[in-house]
Amino acid sequence: MADYKHGVYTSEQATSMTAPLSGTAGLQVVIGTAPINMLENPAAAVNTPILVNNYKEAVAAVGYSDDFASYTLCESISAAFSVVGTGPLVLINVLDPAKHTGDIEETTVQVNGGVGILDVPGVLPDRLTVKADGVTELTRGEDYTTMFNNDGSLNIVPIAGGKGASATSLTVTGKKIDPSKVTAADIVGSVDAGTGAETGMEVIRQIYPKLSMTPGILLAPRYSMDATVSAALQAKTKDINGVFKCVCVVDIDSTEEGATKYTDVKAHKETQAVSDANAYAVWPCAKVGEVVYCGSTLAAALTAYTDAANGDTPNVSPSNKTLAISTACLADGTDVVLDQEQANTINSFGVATFLNMNGFRLWGNNTAAYPGTTDPKDRWFSVRRFLSWAANSFILTYFSRVDSPANKRLIEAIVDSENVRGNGFVARDVCARYEITFDESENTTADLLDGKITFHQYITPYTPAENIEDVIEFDPTALSTALA
């Protein structure tokens, strides 16, 4: 019989998150850990690239927990979709329930209102042993069902007519995921010599073949404070799938073992060997309320947002863009108060930071290659990103022309098409020059016979106006003029 209603009724639904500002120039690829025990099939979310466009999709794909120290993918999910408001993300979870597990000691939970709550983080429901009143072993799906709460605890609900229907308590043992067992080696990953199975950062190779998207920004929140991980991130920015380029955002260690004062940042940057032109280093962390976020997650999200806000083109620096943070802090939450002079000192090391100047903002334009290089294409973060993005765009745009006859029509078509695109960039003040040429001196007969044609492209993105100076002079003649 249908539910009979007579009157006026209301209902509520969960608050919809603000739609993120989307773009792919700064596509974030995040390698880390997630509470995949909350999924129906946790193994399907291990060492595979997962594209998520919003908060709801992310939670459905990898689960969610506010314990960012344990579940680093959740930190990026929160930073991107809740703090900054940008997407999409590609998530690579390395936490594997086949090896990163711990035991659940025998626990008795009371059944109240037909529900027993197991308050243990990381429970793997399919690996539980549940006994009614400590005696009768129950079967999942026949005698009880499970459901996770928002805080990660697990509801165990006896089924009417099952063997535990009248139980007043449940005795539980089993397995749980243990993120503390994930190591830097798991984040870096490997390739199995026998099966070819890829893990960790090796999965980055799969993003374009599976998702038809090229990585824009690589990050591994918290883990990138480890020198092995930061080195691997820098290496992975080059020759993805043999052709593509991107950047990475790396955390300079702000734990007790790392830089706890701004004057220590240079030494720890060098200890971590963060010196690549494709790397953007950030120190320290920051708080939103009382929640600590890594500098890398906030900087990467803000960079992607800045791209999306500027026509999905990575020519504008994320530096001096505001962030909704409460304070800069160390990894343990200790507040860090920097003035502009101190923040500039950190910038001089090739490291970005957070500065409160009428609101907190990301502060720093240099790649990690600075001060070791002053070449503008490798020093400035926005310039480096634009050149890499332009190279990726050229590959994707003209890949369909490969194996066409190398005749005049092909050459003119590429030159004309690319220069029309470049003229648009110049007209919009995206860059000062964006021009491609075909020079016969660079295309020898031997090259042409070998099937090779070479174009020469001139790209000049505008460098950031990092130092604006106003010379102020007292004019004494104005006094006599004014009093005359």
Protein backbone atom coordinates (compact mmCIF):
# COMPACT_ATOMS: atom_id res chain seq x y z
CA MET A 1 0.00 0.00 0.00
CA ALA A 2 1.39 3.38 -1.00
CA ASP A 3 2.30 5.85 1.74
CA TYR A 4 -0.84 7.92 2.30
CA LYS A 5 -0.18 11.65 2.68
CA HIS A 6 -2.51 14.51 3.53
CA GLY A 7 -1.07 17.94 4.29
CA VAL A 8 2.05 20.01 3.67
CA TYR A 9 5.49 18.33 3.71
CA THR A 10 9.11 19.42 3.44
CA SER A 11 12.42 17.66 3.03
CA GLU A 12 16.10 18.55 2.94
CA GLN A 13 18.99 17.43 0.82
CA ALA A 14 22.74 17.83 1.17
CA THR A 15 24.09 21.25 0.23
CA SER A 16 25.33 21.35 -3.36
CA MET A 17 28.97 22.36 -3.70
CA THR A 18 29.73 25.40 -5.85
CA ALA A 19 30.59 24.24 -9.35
CA PRO A 20 34.37 24.35 -9.74
CA LEU A 21 36.01 26.56 -12.35
CA SER A 22 37.23 23.92 -14.78
CA GLY A 23 40.21 23.79 -17.09
CA THR A 24 42.77 21.27 -18.32
CA ALA A 25 45.89 23.38 -18.91
CA GLY A 26 46.70 22.89 -15.24
CA LEU A 27 45.28 19.37 -14.91
CA GLN A 28 46.36 18.22 -11.46
CA VAL A 29 47.61 14.65 -11.13
CA VAL A 30 47.78 13.68 -7.47
CA ILE A 31 49.61 10.59 -6.23
CA GLY A 32 48.81 9.51 -2.69
CA THR A 33 46.47 7.59 -0.41
CA ALA A 34 42.70 7.44 0.01
CA PRO A 35 40.18 5.60 2.24
CA ILE A 36 39.23 3.16 -0.49
CA ASN A 37 37.91 0.72 2.12
CA MET A 38 34.69 2.73 1.81
CA LEU A 39 34.25 1.51 -1.78
CA GLU A 40 32.36 -1.59 -2.83
CA ASN A 41 35.43 -2.79 -4.73
CA PRO A 42 38.55 -1.21 -3.15
CA ALA A 43 41.00 -3.13 -5.37
CA ALA A 44 39.62 -1.38 -8.46
CA ALA A 45 40.87 1.98 -7.14
CA VAL A 46 44.51 0.93 -6.65
CA ASN A 47 47.28 2.19 -8.94
CA THR A 48 45.00 3.42 -11.70
CA PRO A 49 44.35 6.99 -12.92
CA ILE A 50 40.86 8.15 -11.93
CA LEU A 51 39.39 11.35 -13.41
CA VAL A 52 37.05 13.31 -11.13
CA ASN A 53 35.32 16.54 -12.09
CA ASN A 54 33.79 17.55 -8.77
CA TYR A 55 33.68 16.75 -5.07
CA LYS A 56 30.83 14.23 -5.39
CA GLU A 57 32.64 12.26 -8.07
CA ALA A 58 35.85 12.27 -6.03
CA VAL A 59 34.15 10.88 -2.92
CA ALA A 60 32.44 8.20 -4.98
CA ALA A 61 35.72 7.28 -6.67
CA VAL A 62 38.12 7.00 -3.72
CA GLY A 63 36.16 7.69 -0.52
CA TYR A 64 36.79 10.67 1.74
CA SER A 65 38.21 11.41 5.18
CA ASP A 66 39.26 14.61 6.94
CA ASP A 67 42.37 12.80 8.19
CA PHE A 68 44.67 14.38 5.61
CA ALA A 69 47.81 13.08 7.33
CA SER A 70 46.64 9.54 6.52
CA TYR A 71 44.73 10.15 3.29
CA THR A 72 46.59 12.66 1.15
CA LEU A 73 44.33 12.45 -1.91
CA CYS A 74 41.51 13.76 0.28
CA GLU A 75 43.62 16.84 1.01
CA SER A 76 43.83 17.67 -2.69
CA ILE A 77 40.12 16.92 -3.14
CA SER A 78 39.32 19.40 -0.37
CA ALA A 79 41.83 22.03 -1.53
CA ALA A 80 40.67 21.91 -5.15
CA PHE A 81 36.92 21.58 -4.79
CA SER A 82 36.19 23.15 -1.38
CA VAL A 83 38.92 25.76 -0.72
CA VAL A 84 39.84 27.04 -4.20
CA GLY A 85 37.00 25.79 -6.39
CA THR A 86 38.67 24.25 -9.42
CA GLY A 87 38.86 20.96 -11.27
CA PRO A 88 39.17 18.38 -12.66
CA LEU A 89 41.69 16.14 -10.88
CA VAL A 90 43.33 12.86 -11.79
CA LEU A 91 43.80 10.76 -8.65
CA ILE A 92 46.25 7.88 -8.33
CA ASN A 93 45.78 5.94 -5.09
CA VAL A 94 48.68 3.70 -4.06
CA LEU A 95 47.20 2.40 -0.81
CA ASP A 96 46.68 -1.30 -1.56
CA PRO A 97 44.39 -3.40 0.67
CA ALA A 98 46.36 -6.43 -0.49
CA LYS A 99 49.45 -5.27 1.42
CA HIS A 100 48.84 -2.08 3.44
CA THR A 101 46.68 -3.60 6.16
CA GLY A 102 46.52 -4.15 9.90
CA ASP A 103 44.51 -6.34 12.23
CA ILE A 104 41.35 -5.28 14.04
CA GLU A 105 41.60 -6.57 17.56
CA GLU A 106 38.52 -8.36 18.88
CA THR A 107 35.99 -5.64 19.60
CA THR A 108 32.51 -5.87 21.08
CA VAL A 109 29.93 -3.34 19.95
CA GLN A 110 26.47 -2.90 21.37
CA VAL A 111 23.45 -3.13 19.09
CA ASN A 112 21.22 -0.15 19.76
CA GLY A 113 18.20 0.59 17.63
CA GLY A 114 19.15 -2.26 15.35
CA VAL A 115 22.62 -0.86 14.61
CA GLY A 116 26.09 -1.66 15.96
CA ILE A 117 28.76 1.00 15.32
CA LEU A 118 32.35 -0.18 14.85
CA ASP A 119 34.42 2.95 15.53
CA VAL A 120 37.63 1.78 13.88
CA PRO A 121 39.16 3.72 10.93
CA GLY A 122 39.87 1.91 7.69
CA VAL A 123 37.68 -1.18 8.19
CA LEU A 124 37.55 -3.58 5.23
CA PRO A 125 33.93 -4.85 5.40
CA ASP A 126 34.57 -7.93 3.26
CA ARG A 127 37.33 -9.07 5.63
CA LEU A 128 35.36 -8.93 8.86
CA THR A 129 34.36 -11.77 11.13
CA VAL A 130 31.17 -10.88 13.00
CA LYS A 131 29.61 -12.98 15.75
CA ALA A 132 26.23 -12.42 17.37
CA ASP A 133 26.65 -12.10 21.15
CA GLY A 134 30.17 -13.46 20.71
CA VAL A 135 28.96 -16.92 19.65
CA THR A 136 27.19 -17.27 16.31
CA GLU A 137 29.21 -16.31 13.24
CA LEU A 138 27.23 -14.17 10.82
CA THR A 139 27.40 -13.93 7.04
CA ARG A 140 27.57 -10.52 5.37
CA GLY A 141 24.62 -9.97 3.05
CA GLU A 142 22.58 -12.71 4.69
CA ASP A 143 22.71 -11.92 8.39
CA TYR A 144 23.92 -8.30 8.37
CA THR A 145 24.70 -5.35 6.12
CA THR A 146 27.29 -2.59 6.52
CA MET A 147 27.35 1.11 5.80
CA PHE A 148 29.99 3.76 6.44
CA ASN A 149 29.31 6.96 8.35
CA ASN A 150 30.82 10.33 7.39
CA ASP A 151 33.43 9.99 10.15
CA GLY A 152 34.68 6.67 8.76
CA SER A 153 33.05 4.47 11.40
CA LEU A 154 31.08 1.44 10.19
CA ASN A 155 27.44 0.64 10.88
CA ILE A 156 26.75 -3.09 11.20
CA VAL A 157 23.02 -3.73 10.80
CA PRO A 158 21.59 -7.20 11.60
CA ILE A 159 19.04 -8.30 8.98
CA ALA A 160 15.57 -9.27 10.12
CA GLY A 161 15.25 -13.03 9.89
CA GLY A 162 19.02 -13.52 9.95
CA LYS A 163 21.01 -15.36 12.59
CA GLY A 164 21.87 -12.10 14.38
CA ALA A 165 18.44 -10.48 14.28
CA SER A 166 17.99 -10.63 18.06
CA ALA A 167 21.60 -10.00 19.04
CA THR A 168 22.28 -7.34 21.68
CA SER A 169 26.00 -7.19 20.91
CA LEU A 170 28.38 -8.11 18.10
CA THR A 171 31.94 -9.34 18.44
CA VAL A 172 34.09 -8.18 15.54
CA THR A 173 37.58 -9.06 14.28
CA GLY A 174 39.15 -8.63 10.85
CA LYS A 175 41.34 -6.38 8.73
CA LYS A 176 41.67 -2.66 8.14
CA ILE A 177 43.71 -0.60 5.72
CA ASP A 178 46.80 0.97 7.30
CA PRO A 179 48.00 4.12 5.47
CA SER A 180 51.02 4.35 7.80
CA LYS A 181 52.49 1.38 5.91
CA VAL A 182 52.60 3.31 2.64
CA THR A 183 56.20 4.34 1.97
CA ALA A 184 57.99 6.72 -0.36
CA ALA A 185 58.78 3.69 -2.54
CA ASP A 186 55.04 3.05 -2.98
CA ILE A 187 54.53 6.66 -4.12
CA VAL A 188 57.46 6.50 -6.55
CA GLY A 189 56.21 3.12 -7.79
CA SER A 190 57.69 0.53 -10.08
CA VAL A 191 57.03 -1.77 -13.03
CA ASP A 192 56.72 -5.50 -12.37
CA ALA A 193 59.26 -7.25 -14.58
CA GLY A 194 57.07 -10.32 -14.93
CA THR A 195 53.58 -8.88 -15.42
CA GLY A 196 54.33 -5.33 -16.53
CA ALA A 197 51.97 -4.01 -13.84
CA GLU A 198 52.68 -0.36 -12.98
CA THR A 199 52.37 1.27 -9.59
CA GLY A 200 52.77 4.76 -8.11
CA MET A 201 54.17 7.41 -10.44
CA GLU A 202 54.67 4.84 -13.17
CA VAL A 203 50.88 5.00 -13.62
CA ILE A 204 51.23 8.59 -14.93
CA ARG A 205 52.06 7.00 -18.28
CA GLN A 206 48.51 5.63 -18.48
CA ILE A 207 46.74 8.99 -18.20
CA TYR A 208 46.81 9.98 -21.87
CA PRO A 209 46.08 6.49 -23.29
CA LYS A 210 43.17 5.99 -20.87
CA LEU A 211 41.76 9.50 -20.42
CA SER A 212 42.96 11.37 -23.54
CA MET A 213 44.28 14.14 -21.28
CA THR A 214 47.81 15.35 -20.70
CA PRO A 215 49.07 15.99 -17.16
CA GLY A 216 49.58 19.64 -16.25
CA ILE A 217 50.74 19.57 -12.62
CA LEU A 218 52.08 16.58 -10.70
CA LEU A 219 51.98 16.54 -6.90
CA ALA A 220 52.27 14.12 -3.99
CA PRO A 221 51.12 16.04 -0.90
CA ARG A 222 53.17 15.42 2.26
CA TYR A 223 55.16 12.63 0.59
CA SER A 224 56.99 15.18 -1.59
CA MET A 225 58.85 16.35 1.52
CA ASP A 226 60.83 13.13 1.05
CA ALA A 227 63.89 13.58 -1.20
CA THR A 228 63.19 10.34 -3.09
CA VAL A 229 59.65 11.41 -3.93
CA SER A 230 60.57 14.98 -4.88
CA ALA A 231 63.32 13.67 -7.17
CA ALA A 232 60.91 11.25 -8.84
CA LEU A 233 58.30 13.97 -9.36
CA GLN A 234 60.85 16.17 -11.11
CA ALA A 235 61.95 13.28 -13.33
CA LYS A 236 58.37 12.44 -14.29
CA THR A 237 57.69 15.92 -15.70
CA LYS A 238 59.74 15.10 -18.78
CA ASP A 239 58.91 12.98 -21.81
CA ILE A 240 55.59 11.60 -20.57
CA ASN A 241 54.56 8.99 -23.14
CA GLY A 242 57.83 9.92 -24.82
CA VAL A 243 56.61 13.38 -25.88
CA PHE A 244 54.62 15.39 -23.31
CA LYS A 245 55.88 17.80 -20.64
CA CYS A 246 54.41 19.20 -17.43
CA VAL A 247 55.46 20.68 -14.07
CA CYS A 248 55.35 19.46 -10.50
CA VAL A 249 54.67 21.26 -7.22
CA VAL A 250 56.86 20.09 -4.34
CA ASP A 251 56.69 20.68 -0.58
CA ILE A 252 59.90 21.74 1.14
CA ASP A 253 59.98 19.77 4.39
CA SER A 254 58.46 21.74 7.27
CA THR A 255 58.45 18.94 9.85
CA GLU A 256 60.77 18.87 12.86
CA GLU A 257 63.40 17.22 10.65
CA GLY A 258 63.04 19.93 8.01
CA ALA A 259 62.94 23.71 7.81
CA THR A 260 61.19 25.17 10.84
CA LYS A 261 62.51 28.71 10.19
CA TYR A 262 62.52 30.63 6.94
CA THR A 263 66.32 30.87 7.06
CA ASP A 264 66.51 27.06 6.94
CA VAL A 265 64.57 26.74 3.68
CA LYS A 266 67.55 27.01 1.33
CA ALA A 267 69.46 24.19 3.02
CA HIS A 268 66.46 21.85 3.02
CA LYS A 269 65.63 22.65 -0.59
CA GLU A 270 69.15 21.53 -1.44
CA THR A 271 68.85 18.45 0.81
CA GLN A 272 65.73 17.43 -1.10
CA ALA A 273 67.53 18.10 -4.40
CA VAL A 274 64.69 20.28 -5.64
CA SER A 275 66.34 22.22 -8.45
CA ASP A 276 64.51 21.45 -11.69
CA ALA A 277 63.04 24.10 -13.98
CA ASN A 278 59.84 22.04 -14.10
CA ALA A 279 59.45 22.17 -10.30
CA TYR A 280 57.72 24.80 -8.18
CA ALA A 281 58.77 24.51 -4.53
CA VAL A 282 56.55 25.71 -1.68
CA TRP A 283 57.23 26.30 2.04
CA PRO A 284 55.55 26.00 4.53
CA CYS A 285 52.02 24.57 4.96
CA ALA A 286 48.88 26.63 5.65
CA LYS A 287 45.71 26.38 7.71
CA VAL A 288 42.09 26.80 6.72
CA GLY A 289 40.54 27.26 10.13
CA GLU A 290 42.36 24.62 12.14
CA VAL A 291 42.87 22.21 9.23
CA VAL A 292 46.45 21.98 7.94
CA TYR A 293 47.01 21.79 4.18
CA CYS A 294 50.32 21.23 2.44
CA GLY A 295 51.65 24.17 0.48
CA SER A 296 51.73 22.02 -2.65
CA THR A 297 48.00 21.23 -2.61
CA LEU A 298 47.01 24.88 -2.24
CA ALA A 299 49.56 26.15 -4.79
CA ALA A 300 48.62 23.51 -7.37
CA ALA A 301 44.89 24.19 -6.96
CA LEU A 302 45.43 27.95 -7.21
CA THR A 303 47.57 27.51 -10.33
CA ALA A 304 44.86 25.42 -12.01
CA TYR A 305 42.24 27.97 -10.99
CA THR A 306 44.32 30.84 -12.40
CA ASP A 307 44.64 29.00 -15.73
CA ALA A 308 40.90 28.37 -15.91
CA ALA A 309 40.13 32.00 -15.08
CA ASN A 310 42.36 33.12 -17.98
CA GLY A 311 40.89 31.16 -20.85
CA ASP A 312 42.48 27.86 -19.80
CA THR A 313 45.85 29.29 -20.83
CA PRO A 314 48.82 29.04 -18.42
CA ASN A 315 50.40 32.42 -19.10
CA VAL A 316 49.45 34.15 -15.83
CA SER A 317 51.49 33.53 -12.70
CA PRO A 318 49.60 32.21 -9.63
CA SER A 319 51.80 34.42 -7.46
CA ASN A 320 50.04 37.27 -5.62
CA LYS A 321 46.66 35.58 -6.12
CA THR A 322 44.62 35.40 -2.94
CA LEU A 323 43.86 32.20 -1.04
CA ALA A 324 41.19 31.62 1.59
CA ILE A 325 43.63 30.50 4.28
CA SER A 326 43.85 31.51 7.94
CA THR A 327 47.61 31.43 8.45
CA ALA A 328 50.84 29.91 7.21
CA CYS A 329 52.09 27.09 9.43
CA LEU A 330 54.54 24.23 9.81
CA ALA A 331 53.48 20.65 9.14
CA ASP A 332 52.59 20.22 12.83
CA GLY A 333 50.29 23.27 12.77
CA THR A 334 52.65 25.76 14.44
CA ASP A 335 51.89 29.22 13.05
CA VAL A 336 54.50 30.89 10.83
CA VAL A 337 54.35 34.69 10.58
CA LEU A 338 56.27 36.12 7.63
CA ASP A 339 56.64 39.72 6.55
CA GLN A 340 57.37 40.72 2.96
CA GLU A 341 61.13 40.93 3.51
CA GLN A 342 61.24 37.38 4.89
CA ALA A 343 58.94 36.08 2.15
CA ASN A 344 61.19 37.68 -0.45
CA THR A 345 64.18 35.94 1.11
CA ILE A 346 62.38 32.61 0.63
CA ASN A 347 61.67 33.60 -2.99
CA SER A 348 65.38 34.26 -3.48
CA PHE A 349 65.98 30.56 -2.75
CA GLY A 350 63.67 29.56 -5.62
CA VAL A 351 60.83 28.73 -3.23
CA ALA A 352 57.30 30.15 -3.02
CA THR A 353 55.51 30.88 0.24
CA PHE A 354 52.39 32.52 1.69
CA LEU A 355 52.24 36.23 2.50
CA ASN A 356 49.53 38.15 4.32
CA MET A 357 49.22 41.45 2.49
CA ASN A 358 45.59 42.55 2.78
CA GLY A 359 44.69 38.85 2.77
CA PHE A 360 46.81 35.77 2.31
CA ARG A 361 48.23 35.08 -1.12
CA LEU A 362 50.67 32.74 -2.79
CA TRP A 363 54.00 34.57 -3.12
CA GLY A 364 56.70 33.55 -5.58
CA ASN A 365 57.30 33.41 -9.35
CA ASN A 366 60.54 31.43 -9.53
CA THR A 367 60.88 27.79 -10.45
CA ALA A 368 63.10 25.63 -8.28
CA ALA A 369 65.90 26.10 -10.85
CA TYR A 370 66.43 29.64 -9.54
CA PRO A 371 68.94 31.01 -8.55
CA GLY A 372 70.95 28.35 -10.38
CA THR A 373 69.60 29.67 -13.68
CA THR A 374 68.40 33.08 -14.78
CA ASP A 375 67.30 32.00 -18.28
CA PRO A 376 63.74 33.38 -18.43
CA LYS A 377 62.36 30.19 -19.99
CA ASP A 378 63.51 28.17 -16.99
CA ARG A 379 63.39 30.76 -14.21
CA TRP A 380 59.80 31.99 -14.39
CA PHE A 381 57.11 29.47 -13.45
CA SER A 382 54.47 30.96 -15.75
CA VAL A 383 56.87 31.12 -18.70
CA ARG A 384 58.05 27.54 -18.18
CA ARG A 385 54.47 26.28 -17.99
CA PHE A 386 53.37 28.19 -21.08
CA LEU A 387 56.23 26.82 -23.20
CA SER A 388 55.53 23.24 -22.09
CA TRP A 389 51.80 23.69 -22.68
CA ALA A 390 52.47 25.12 -26.16
CA ALA A 391 54.67 22.13 -26.99
CA ASN A 392 51.99 19.68 -25.85
CA SER A 393 49.35 21.58 -27.83
CA PHE A 394 51.47 21.43 -31.00
CA ILE A 395 51.84 17.65 -30.66
CA LEU A 396 48.13 17.07 -30.09
CA THR A 397 47.04 19.47 -32.84
CA TYR A 398 49.24 18.13 -35.62
CA PHE A 399 49.57 14.46 -34.73
CA SER A 400 46.95 13.67 -37.37
CA ARG A 401 49.31 15.14 -40.02
CA VAL A 402 52.02 12.55 -39.34
CA ASP A 403 52.59 10.30 -42.39
CA SER A 404 50.93 12.80 -44.75
CA PRO A 405 52.93 13.61 -47.90
CA ALA A 406 55.70 16.04 -46.94
CA ASN A 407 54.77 18.50 -49.64
CA LYS A 408 54.37 22.25 -49.80
CA ARG A 409 50.68 22.04 -48.98
CA LEU A 410 51.36 20.26 -45.68
CA ILE A 411 54.04 22.75 -44.68
CA GLU A 412 51.89 25.77 -45.52
CA ALA A 413 48.89 24.30 -43.72
CA ILE A 414 50.82 23.86 -40.48
CA VAL A 415 52.51 27.27 -40.71
CA ASP A 416 49.26 29.09 -41.52
CA SER A 417 47.22 27.29 -38.87
CA GLU A 418 49.76 27.79 -36.10
CA ASN A 419 50.34 31.45 -36.95
CA VAL A 420 46.61 32.20 -36.94
CA ARG A 421 46.48 30.67 -33.46
CA GLY A 422 49.59 32.62 -32.44
CA ASN A 423 48.19 35.91 -33.72
CA GLY A 424 45.22 35.34 -31.45
CA PHE A 425 47.51 34.95 -28.45
CA VAL A 426 49.40 38.13 -29.33
CA ALA A 427 46.19 40.08 -29.88
CA ARG A 428 44.97 39.00 -26.41
CA ASP A 429 48.29 40.03 -24.81
CA VAL A 430 48.94 36.43 -23.78
CA CYS A 431 52.44 36.71 -25.20
CA ALA A 432 54.62 39.14 -27.12
CA ARG A 433 55.35 36.73 -29.98
CA TYR A 434 53.97 33.38 -31.12
CA GLU A 435 55.19 32.61 -34.61
CA ILE A 436 56.22 29.52 -36.53
CA THR A 437 58.43 29.39 -39.62
CA PHE A 438 59.71 26.78 -42.04
CA ASP A 439 63.35 27.48 -42.84
CA GLU A 440 64.81 25.60 -45.80
CA SER A 441 68.29 25.83 -44.26
CA GLU A 442 67.05 23.70 -41.34
CA ASN A 443 65.60 21.07 -43.69
CA THR A 444 68.36 19.37 -45.63
CA THR A 445 67.74 17.03 -48.52
CA ALA A 446 68.99 14.19 -46.35
CA ASP A 447 66.40 15.02 -43.66
CA LEU A 448 63.60 15.23 -46.21
CA LEU A 449 64.62 11.91 -47.71
CA ASP A 450 64.55 10.49 -44.20
CA GLY A 451 60.98 11.71 -43.73
CA LYS A 452 61.84 14.54 -41.34
CA ILE A 453 60.58 18.12 -41.56
CA THR A 454 61.56 20.79 -39.04
CA PHE A 455 59.69 23.94 -38.06
CA HIS A 456 61.09 26.78 -35.96
CA GLN A 457 58.77 28.40 -33.46
CA TYR A 458 59.31 31.69 -31.61
CA ILE A 459 57.28 31.99 -28.41
CA THR A 460 57.70 34.86 -25.97
CA PRO A 461 55.30 34.83 -23.02
CA TYR A 462 55.33 37.97 -20.91
CA THR A 463 57.44 37.65 -17.77
CA PRO A 464 55.71 38.58 -14.50
CA ALA A 465 56.04 42.19 -13.30
CA GLU A 466 57.74 41.04 -10.13
CA ASN A 467 59.46 44.31 -9.19
CA ILE A 468 57.49 47.54 -9.63
CA GLU A 469 59.41 50.61 -8.46
CA ASP A 470 58.25 54.19 -8.09
CA VAL A 471 60.97 56.85 -7.81
CA ILE A 472 59.69 59.66 -5.59
CA GLU A 473 61.39 63.06 -5.63
CA PHE A 474 60.77 66.14 -3.52
CA ASP A 475 60.43 69.17 -5.81
CA PRO A 476 61.40 72.36 -3.86
CA THR A 477 60.49 74.64 -6.76
CA ALA A 478 56.87 73.71 -6.29
CA LEU A 479 56.86 75.60 -2.97
CA SER A 480 57.83 78.94 -4.50
CA THR A 481 55.46 78.39 -7.38
CA ALA A 482 52.60 77.58 -5.04
CA LEU A 483 53.30 80.64 -2.82
CA ALA A 484 53.82 83.08 -5.66
